Protein backbone atom coordinates (compact mmCIF):
# COMPACT_ATOMS: atom_id res chain seq x y z
CA UNK A 1 -14.48 15.01 43.59
CA UNK A 2 -17.14 13.75 41.15
CA UNK A 3 -17.15 17.09 39.29
CA UNK A 4 -13.37 17.04 39.09
CA UNK A 5 -13.43 13.50 37.67
CA UNK A 6 -16.05 14.44 35.09
CA UNK A 7 -14.03 17.49 34.08
CA UNK A 8 -10.87 15.41 33.69
CA UNK A 9 -12.72 12.84 31.58
CA UNK A 10 -14.15 15.58 29.38
CA UNK A 11 -10.70 17.14 28.91
CA UNK A 12 -9.24 13.77 27.98
CA UNK A 13 -11.91 13.25 25.31
CA UNK A 14 -11.27 16.71 23.90
CA UNK A 15 -7.54 16.08 23.75
CA UNK A 16 -8.04 12.74 21.96
CA UNK A 17 -10.36 14.39 19.44
CA UNK A 18 -7.81 17.14 18.82
CA UNK A 19 -5.00 14.64 18.22
CA UNK A 20 -7.15 12.67 15.74
CA UNK A 21 -8.09 15.86 13.93
CA UNK A 22 -4.45 16.89 13.62
CA UNK A 23 -3.51 13.46 12.30
CA UNK A 24 -6.29 13.53 9.73
CA UNK A 25 -5.27 17.00 8.58
CA UNK A 26 -1.64 15.92 8.22
CA UNK A 27 -2.69 13.00 6.03
CA UNK A 28 -4.66 15.14 3.59
CA UNK A 29 -2.99 16.27 0.38
CA UNK A 30 -2.98 19.96 -0.54
CA UNK A 31 -6.48 20.95 -1.52
CA UNK A 32 -8.08 18.05 0.36
CA UNK A 33 -10.85 17.99 2.91
CA UNK A 34 -10.76 20.64 5.61
CA UNK A 35 -12.77 21.96 8.53
CA UNK A 36 -15.07 23.86 6.19
CA UNK A 37 -16.56 20.58 4.99
CA UNK A 38 -15.12 20.62 1.45
CA UNK A 39 -15.12 17.39 -0.55
CA UNK A 40 -12.59 14.65 0.29
CA UNK A 41 -9.52 14.39 -1.93
CA UNK A 42 -9.65 12.74 -5.33
CA UNK A 43 -6.80 10.49 -6.41
CA UNK A 44 -5.92 13.07 -9.06
CA UNK A 45 -4.94 15.46 -6.26
CA UNK A 46 -2.05 13.15 -5.33
CA UNK A 47 -0.33 13.49 -8.72
CA UNK A 48 2.53 15.72 -7.58
CA UNK A 49 5.98 15.36 -6.06
CA UNK A 50 7.11 11.74 -6.01
CA UNK A 51 3.67 10.74 -7.31
CA UNK A 52 3.66 13.12 -10.29
CA UNK A 53 3.76 10.09 -12.62
CA UNK A 54 0.93 8.29 -10.83
CA UNK A 55 -1.14 6.52 -13.51
CA UNK A 56 -4.89 6.61 -12.87
CA UNK A 57 -5.93 5.53 -16.37
CA UNK A 58 -5.82 1.73 -16.19
CA UNK A 59 -9.08 -0.22 -16.04
CA UNK A 60 -7.87 -3.59 -14.82
CA UNK A 61 -8.78 -6.09 -12.13
CA UNK A 62 -6.51 -7.96 -9.74
CA UNK A 63 -4.40 -10.55 -11.61
CA UNK A 64 -6.12 -13.92 -11.93
CA UNK A 65 -2.87 -15.90 -12.04
CA UNK A 66 -1.49 -17.67 -8.99
CA UNK A 67 1.92 -17.30 -7.36
CA UNK A 68 3.94 -19.09 -4.69
CA UNK A 69 4.45 -18.39 -1.00
CA UNK A 70 7.59 -19.10 0.99
CA UNK A 71 6.69 -22.79 1.35
CA UNK A 72 6.09 -23.22 -2.37
CA UNK A 73 2.33 -23.35 -1.92
CA UNK A 74 0.05 -21.80 -4.52
CA UNK A 75 -1.64 -18.53 -3.59
CA UNK A 76 -4.19 -16.36 -5.36
CA UNK A 77 -5.28 -12.73 -5.16
CA UNK A 78 -8.85 -13.81 -4.46
CA UNK A 79 -7.83 -14.39 -0.83
CA UNK A 80 -7.51 -10.61 -0.40
CA UNK A 81 -11.13 -9.93 -1.40
CA UNK A 82 -12.65 -6.91 0.34
CA UNK A 83 -9.28 -5.32 1.11
CA UNK A 84 -7.24 -2.59 -0.51
CA UNK A 85 -4.34 -4.40 -2.19
CA UNK A 86 -0.98 -2.71 -2.74
CA UNK A 87 0.75 -5.03 -5.22
CA UNK A 88 4.48 -4.50 -5.50
CA UNK A 89 6.32 -6.27 -8.32
CA UNK A 90 10.02 -6.49 -7.55
CA UNK A 91 13.23 -8.45 -8.11
CA UNK A 92 16.22 -8.92 -5.84
CA UNK A 93 18.61 -7.68 -8.54
CA UNK A 94 16.64 -4.42 -8.92
CA UNK A 95 18.36 -1.82 -6.73
CA UNK A 96 15.39 0.62 -6.58
CA UNK A 97 13.11 -2.29 -5.63
CA UNK A 98 15.37 -3.24 -2.76
CA UNK A 99 15.69 0.37 -1.61
CA UNK A 100 11.94 0.97 -1.35
CA UNK A 101 11.03 -2.38 0.27
CA UNK A 102 11.45 -1.20 3.90
CA UNK A 103 9.08 1.69 3.16
CA UNK A 104 6.46 -0.79 1.93
CA UNK A 105 6.85 -2.67 5.20
CA UNK A 106 6.24 0.62 7.03
CA UNK A 107 3.15 1.21 4.89
CA UNK A 108 1.75 -2.16 5.93
CA UNK A 109 2.38 -1.38 9.60
CA UNK A 110 0.38 1.84 9.24
CA UNK A 111 -2.84 0.01 8.33
CA UNK A 112 -4.76 -2.97 9.77
CA UNK A 113 -4.18 -6.03 7.59
CA UNK A 114 -7.90 -6.69 7.42
CA UNK A 115 -8.27 -3.37 5.56
CA UNK A 116 -5.05 -2.88 3.57
CA UNK A 117 -2.60 -5.57 2.51
CA UNK A 118 0.80 -5.04 0.90
CA UNK A 119 1.57 -7.92 -1.47
CA UNK A 120 5.17 -7.98 -2.70
CA UNK A 121 5.65 -10.51 -5.52
CA UNK A 122 9.26 -11.21 -6.49
CA UNK A 123 10.19 -12.44 -9.95
CA UNK A 124 13.07 -14.54 -11.22
CA UNK A 125 14.05 -18.04 -12.20
CA UNK A 126 12.74 -20.85 -10.02
CA UNK A 127 16.22 -21.70 -8.74
CA UNK A 128 16.55 -18.13 -7.39
CA UNK A 129 13.42 -18.33 -5.22
CA UNK A 130 15.27 -19.03 -1.98
CA UNK A 131 17.76 -16.27 -2.70
CA UNK A 132 14.93 -13.79 -3.15
CA UNK A 133 13.33 -15.02 0.08
CA UNK A 134 16.59 -14.50 1.96
CA UNK A 135 16.92 -11.00 0.53
CA UNK A 136 13.42 -9.99 1.63
CA UNK A 137 14.01 -11.44 5.08
CA UNK A 138 17.17 -9.36 5.40
CA UNK A 139 15.37 -6.23 4.23
CA UNK A 140 12.18 -6.34 6.33
CA UNK A 141 12.30 -9.42 8.54
CA UNK A 142 8.81 -10.89 8.87
CA UNK A 143 7.06 -7.54 8.36
CA UNK A 144 6.02 -8.52 4.82
CA UNK A 145 5.10 -11.92 3.39
CA UNK A 146 7.23 -13.52 0.69
CA UNK A 147 5.58 -14.30 -2.64
CA UNK A 148 7.28 -15.44 -5.82
CA UNK A 149 6.47 -15.95 -9.49
CA UNK A 150 8.90 -17.54 -11.91
CA UNK A 151 6.30 -17.67 -14.70
CA UNK A 152 5.84 -13.90 -15.03
CA UNK A 153 2.09 -14.51 -15.29
CA UNK A 154 1.30 -11.93 -12.60
CA UNK A 155 3.32 -9.33 -14.49
CA UNK A 156 1.48 -10.23 -17.69
CA UNK A 157 -1.94 -10.02 -16.03
CA UNK A 158 -1.02 -6.69 -14.42
CA UNK A 159 0.14 -5.35 -17.81
CA UNK A 160 3.55 -4.23 -16.62
CA UNK A 161 7.06 -5.40 -17.30
CA UNK A 162 8.81 -2.73 -15.26
CA UNK A 163 10.50 -3.06 -11.88
CA UNK A 164 9.49 -1.81 -9.44
CA UNK A 165 5.79 -1.52 -10.19
CA UNK A 166 3.38 -0.69 -7.41
CA UNK A 167 -0.30 -1.07 -8.26
CA UNK A 168 -3.14 -0.19 -5.90
CA UNK A 169 -6.50 -1.97 -6.12
CA UNK A 170 -9.65 -0.91 -4.30
CA UNK A 171 -11.81 -3.13 -2.12
CA UNK A 172 -13.67 -4.40 -5.20
CA UNK A 173 -10.42 -5.57 -6.80
CA UNK A 174 -10.27 -2.79 -9.38
CA UNK A 175 -7.03 -1.01 -10.18
CA UNK A 176 -7.21 2.64 -9.17
CA UNK A 177 -3.56 3.75 -9.35
CA UNK A 178 -0.12 2.57 -10.36
CA UNK A 179 3.39 3.93 -10.09
CA UNK A 180 6.14 2.48 -12.28
CA UNK A 181 8.85 4.18 -10.27
CA UNK A 182 10.36 3.68 -6.80
CA UNK A 183 8.83 5.75 -4.02
CA UNK A 184 8.94 6.28 -0.29
CA UNK A 185 5.78 4.41 0.66
CA UNK A 186 6.19 5.40 4.31
CA UNK A 187 5.85 9.11 3.49
CA UNK A 188 2.80 11.14 4.59
CA UNK A 189 1.59 11.53 1.00
CA UNK A 190 1.86 7.77 0.38
CA UNK A 191 -0.07 6.98 3.55
CA UNK A 192 -2.69 9.57 2.59
CA UNK A 193 -3.00 8.09 -0.91
CA UNK A 194 -3.65 4.58 0.39
CA UNK A 195 -6.04 5.90 3.03
CA UNK A 196 -7.94 7.76 0.33
CA UNK A 197 -8.34 4.52 -1.63
CA UNK A 198 -9.48 2.73 1.52
CA UNK A 199 -12.02 5.51 2.07
CA UNK A 200 -13.36 5.11 -1.47
CA UNK A 201 -11.74 8.05 -3.27
CA UNK A 202 -11.63 7.92 -7.06
């Protein structure tokens, strides 16, 4: 009986290891790390398909300007220190922004919030703040926090005036990639891109 139990336990560990290996392989972009021990993927390797226009050239830090949460309280990017930040700049009147928002919620669900945080910041006039909050709630429920900026200071600091803009910052608060186009952020390549940033890829 003891030998049978040990054998079952060993088989279970092997199965778990196999599942993890398959998941890791599925998350790698073409030309990424493999069983032969080749180097992990660089961010450049993700510039294809929906990420063909991925911009890796910016040398910026997280915006220093503050923004508002759903209660009207002031928030700052410094509270996300040590985490990978996926900043999404959107507006409720921007159809592509609205379309991709549920995929950003799925992206957040794929990672622990103490490692990766999706920060959607909506823009518009102050009197439209509640309307934007209602729109986000309808789109993703409570799966993403609501943040708002009627001053456009975050957009200015991030050096973008386009909607949607999704900018990824590493754990040190440095921009490593941006996409000024809508995307499916729940796709395998999007998850692999964010994981690569979390793992320190450049």
